[in-house]
Amino acid sequence: MRTAMGMDDDVKHFLISGAAGAGSETILHYTSGMGPIERISAATFIGSLPGLVKEISDSRKEGNEFGLGDMGMDVLGSFSGALMSGMINDRIQVRLKAGRKSGFVTFVLVF
């Protein structure tokens, strides 16, 4: 089904949750001591929460129901975003120093 923006509803769920999963993984990557599996799992869960809230909200409206297909796209998008972010963040490290106008980026090449 197409939304008002002309985008397929499943694609919209996937992309928004993908961005949330990627952002969550990036934050966890630089602020937690979690390993990659725990970090990607937690980021998938966190990235799926906005979709869950939306589905619960939609299900409370008359004529609507909880969309399992939409929720599945939310989880798949969130996992994909978290996984891609984890792969990128393992290869590129960004460090910024608070209070100083300096920073550096390191690229790690693995063959």
C-alpha atoms as a PDB file:
ATOM      1  CA  MET A   1       0.000   0.000   0.000  1.00  0.00           C
ATOM      2  CA  ARG A   2       1.306   3.459  -0.907  1.00  0.00           C
ATOM      3  CA  THR A   3       1.417   6.211   1.698  1.00  0.00           C
ATOM      4  CA  ALA A   4       0.613   9.878   1.135  1.00  0.00           C
ATOM      5  CA  MET A   5       4.321  10.448   0.421  1.00  0.00           C
ATOM      6  CA  GLY A   6       4.128   7.977  -2.477  1.00  0.00           C
ATOM      7  CA  MET A   7       6.301   5.423  -0.684  1.00  0.00           C
ATOM      8  CA  ASP A   8       5.245   1.839  -0.090  1.00  0.00           C
ATOM      9  CA  ASP A   9       4.246   1.381   3.567  1.00  0.00           C
ATOM     10  CA  ASP A  10       6.563  -1.616   4.040  1.00  0.00           C
ATOM     11  CA  VAL A  11       9.505   0.331   2.623  1.00  0.00           C
ATOM     12  CA  LYS A  12       8.720   3.251   4.933  1.00  0.00           C
ATOM     13  CA  HIS A  13       8.662   0.945   7.983  1.00  0.00           C
ATOM     14  CA  PHE A  14      11.933  -0.696   6.890  1.00  0.00           C
ATOM     15  CA  LEU A  15      13.789   2.573   6.249  1.00  0.00           C
ATOM     16  CA  ILE A  16      12.696   4.410   9.393  1.00  0.00           C
ATOM     17  CA  SER A  17      13.478   1.426  11.610  1.00  0.00           C
ATOM     18  CA  GLY A  18      16.751   0.877   9.740  1.00  0.00           C
ATOM     19  CA  ALA A  19      17.837   4.408  10.581  1.00  0.00           C
ATOM     20  CA  ALA A  20      16.826   3.909  14.221  1.00  0.00           C
ATOM     21  CA  GLY A  21      18.738   0.607  14.406  1.00  0.00           C
ATOM     22  CA  ALA A  22      21.841   2.126  12.814  1.00  0.00           C
ATOM     23  CA  GLY A  23      21.771   5.127  15.121  1.00  0.00           C
ATOM     24  CA  SER A  24      21.282   2.937  18.179  1.00  0.00           C
ATOM     25  CA  GLU A  25      24.181   0.679  17.223  1.00  0.00           C
ATOM     26  CA  THR A  26      26.457   3.662  16.651  1.00  0.00           C
ATOM     27  CA  ILE A  27      25.660   5.126  20.068  1.00  0.00           C
ATOM     28  CA  LEU A  28      26.150   1.733  21.761  1.00  0.00           C
ATOM     29  CA  HIS A  29      29.350   1.145  19.770  1.00  0.00           C
ATOM     30  CA  TYR A  30      31.013   4.244  21.195  1.00  0.00           C
ATOM     31  CA  THR A  31      29.457   4.339  24.682  1.00  0.00           C
ATOM     32  CA  SER A  32      29.106   0.744  25.868  1.00  0.00           C
ATOM     33  CA  GLY A  33      31.434  -2.143  26.504  1.00  0.00           C
ATOM     34  CA  MET A  34      29.145  -4.568  24.680  1.00  0.00           C
ATOM     35  CA  GLY A  35      30.461  -7.038  22.154  1.00  0.00           C
ATOM     36  CA  PRO A  36      29.146  -6.995  18.588  1.00  0.00           C
ATOM     37  CA  ILE A  37      26.390  -9.588  19.058  1.00  0.00           C
ATOM     38  CA  GLU A  38      25.010  -7.940  22.194  1.00  0.00           C
ATOM     39  CA  ARG A  39      25.307  -4.477  20.633  1.00  0.00           C
ATOM     40  CA  ILE A  40      23.478  -5.452  17.428  1.00  0.00           C
ATOM     41  CA  SER A  41      20.795  -7.288  19.421  1.00  0.00           C
ATOM     42  CA  ALA A  42      20.217  -4.318  21.712  1.00  0.00           C
ATOM     43  CA  ALA A  43      20.217  -1.877  18.776  1.00  0.00           C
ATOM     44  CA  THR A  44      17.674  -4.041  16.935  1.00  0.00           C
ATOM     45  CA  PHE A  45      15.403  -3.965  19.976  1.00  0.00           C
ATOM     46  CA  ILE A  46      15.828  -0.207  20.496  1.00  0.00           C
ATOM     47  CA  GLY A  47      15.364   0.526  16.789  1.00  0.00           C
ATOM     48  CA  SER A  48      12.130  -1.501  16.722  1.00  0.00           C
ATOM     49  CA  LEU A  49      10.532   0.406  19.593  1.00  0.00           C
ATOM     50  CA  PRO A  50       9.215   3.370  17.538  1.00  0.00           C
ATOM     51  CA  GLY A  51       7.433   0.938  15.200  1.00  0.00           C
ATOM     52  CA  LEU A  52       5.981  -0.960  18.144  1.00  0.00           C
ATOM     53  CA  VAL A  53       4.658   2.257  19.686  1.00  0.00           C
ATOM     54  CA  LYS A  54       3.139   3.273  16.348  1.00  0.00           C
ATOM     55  CA  GLU A  55       1.466  -0.115  15.856  1.00  0.00           C
ATOM     56  CA  ILE A  56       0.017  -0.048  19.367  1.00  0.00           C
ATOM     57  CA  SER A  57      -1.220   3.511  18.777  1.00  0.00           C
ATOM     58  CA  ASP A  58      -2.756   2.540  15.422  1.00  0.00           C
ATOM     59  CA  SER A  59      -4.465  -0.497  16.934  1.00  0.00           C
ATOM     60  CA  ARG A  60      -6.312   1.737  19.411  1.00  0.00           C
ATOM     61  CA  LYS A  61      -7.985   3.659  16.563  1.00  0.00           C
ATOM     62  CA  GLU A  62     -11.320   2.418  15.342  1.00  0.00           C
ATOM     63  CA  GLY A  63     -11.052   0.351  12.184  1.00  0.00           C
ATOM     64  CA  ASN A  64      -7.322  -0.326  12.646  1.00  0.00           C
ATOM     65  CA  GLU A  65      -5.491  -3.317  14.013  1.00  0.00           C
ATOM     66  CA  PHE A  66      -1.968  -4.191  15.073  1.00  0.00           C
ATOM     67  CA  GLY A  67      -0.036  -4.861  11.840  1.00  0.00           C
ATOM     68  CA  LEU A  68       2.189  -7.911  12.221  1.00  0.00           C
ATOM     69  CA  GLY A  69       3.551  -7.360   8.709  1.00  0.00           C
ATOM     70  CA  ASP A  70       4.452  -3.763   9.556  1.00  0.00           C
ATOM     71  CA  MET A  71       6.065  -4.884  12.794  1.00  0.00           C
ATOM     72  CA  GLY A  72       8.032  -7.530  10.907  1.00  0.00           C
ATOM     73  CA  MET A  73       9.365  -4.854   8.544  1.00  0.00           C
ATOM     74  CA  ASP A  74      10.269  -2.713  11.573  1.00  0.00           C
ATOM     75  CA  VAL A  75      12.303  -5.525  13.121  1.00  0.00           C
ATOM     76  CA  LEU A  76      13.921  -6.482   9.797  1.00  0.00           C
ATOM     77  CA  GLY A  77      14.814  -2.853   9.061  1.00  0.00           C
ATOM     78  CA  SER A  78      16.163  -2.275  12.546  1.00  0.00           C
ATOM     79  CA  PHE A  79      18.295  -5.425  12.405  1.00  0.00           C
ATOM     80  CA  SER A  80      19.616  -4.525   8.944  1.00  0.00           C
ATOM     81  CA  GLY A  81      20.505  -1.002  10.055  1.00  0.00           C
ATOM     82  CA  ALA A  82      22.188  -2.236  13.234  1.00  0.00           C
ATOM     83  CA  LEU A  83      24.159  -4.907  11.343  1.00  0.00           C
ATOM     84  CA  MET A  84      25.356  -2.500   8.647  1.00  0.00           C
ATOM     85  CA  SER A  85      26.234   0.118  11.248  1.00  0.00           C
ATOM     86  CA  GLY A  86      28.188  -2.465  13.249  1.00  0.00           C
ATOM     87  CA  MET A  87      30.179  -3.479  10.178  1.00  0.00           C
ATOM     88  CA  ILE A  88      30.955   0.147   9.333  1.00  0.00           C
ATOM     89  CA  ASN A  89      31.741   1.191  12.909  1.00  0.00           C
ATOM     90  CA  ASP A  90      34.162  -1.731  13.249  1.00  0.00           C
ATOM     91  CA  ARG A  91      36.099  -0.361  10.250  1.00  0.00           C
ATOM     92  CA  ILE A  92      35.876   3.389  10.860  1.00  0.00           C
ATOM     93  CA  GLN A  93      36.534   4.975  14.227  1.00  0.00           C
ATOM     94  CA  VAL A  94      35.723   8.612  14.901  1.00  0.00           C
ATOM     95  CA  ARG A  95      37.076  10.359  17.985  1.00  0.00           C
ATOM     96  CA  LEU A  96      36.224  13.915  18.977  1.00  0.00           C
ATOM     97  CA  LYS A  97      37.608  15.632  22.045  1.00  0.00           C
ATOM     98  CA  ALA A  98      35.164  17.757  24.001  1.00  0.00           C
ATOM     99  CA  GLY A  99      36.309  21.313  24.571  1.00  0.00           C
ATOM    100  CA  ARG A 100      38.960  21.075  21.876  1.00  0.00           C
ATOM    101  CA  LYS A 101      38.626  21.683  18.195  1.00  0.00           C
ATOM    102  CA  SER A 102      40.324  18.486  17.176  1.00  0.00           C
ATOM    103  CA  GLY A 103      39.447  14.983  16.199  1.00  0.00           C
ATOM    104  CA  PHE A 104      40.550  12.142  13.984  1.00  0.00           C
ATOM    105  CA  VAL A 105      39.142   9.390  11.822  1.00  0.00           C
ATOM    106  CA  THR A 106      40.795   5.995  11.511  1.00  0.00           C
ATOM    107  CA  PHE A 107      40.039   3.555   8.712  1.00  0.00           C
ATOM    108  CA  VAL A 108      40.809  -0.071   9.385  1.00  0.00           C
ATOM    109  CA  LEU A 109      41.308  -2.161   6.251  1.00  0.00           C
ATOM    110  CA  VAL A 110      40.853  -5.888   6.624  1.00  0.00           C
ATOM    111  CA  PHE A 111      41.666  -8.236   3.769  1.00  0.00           C
END
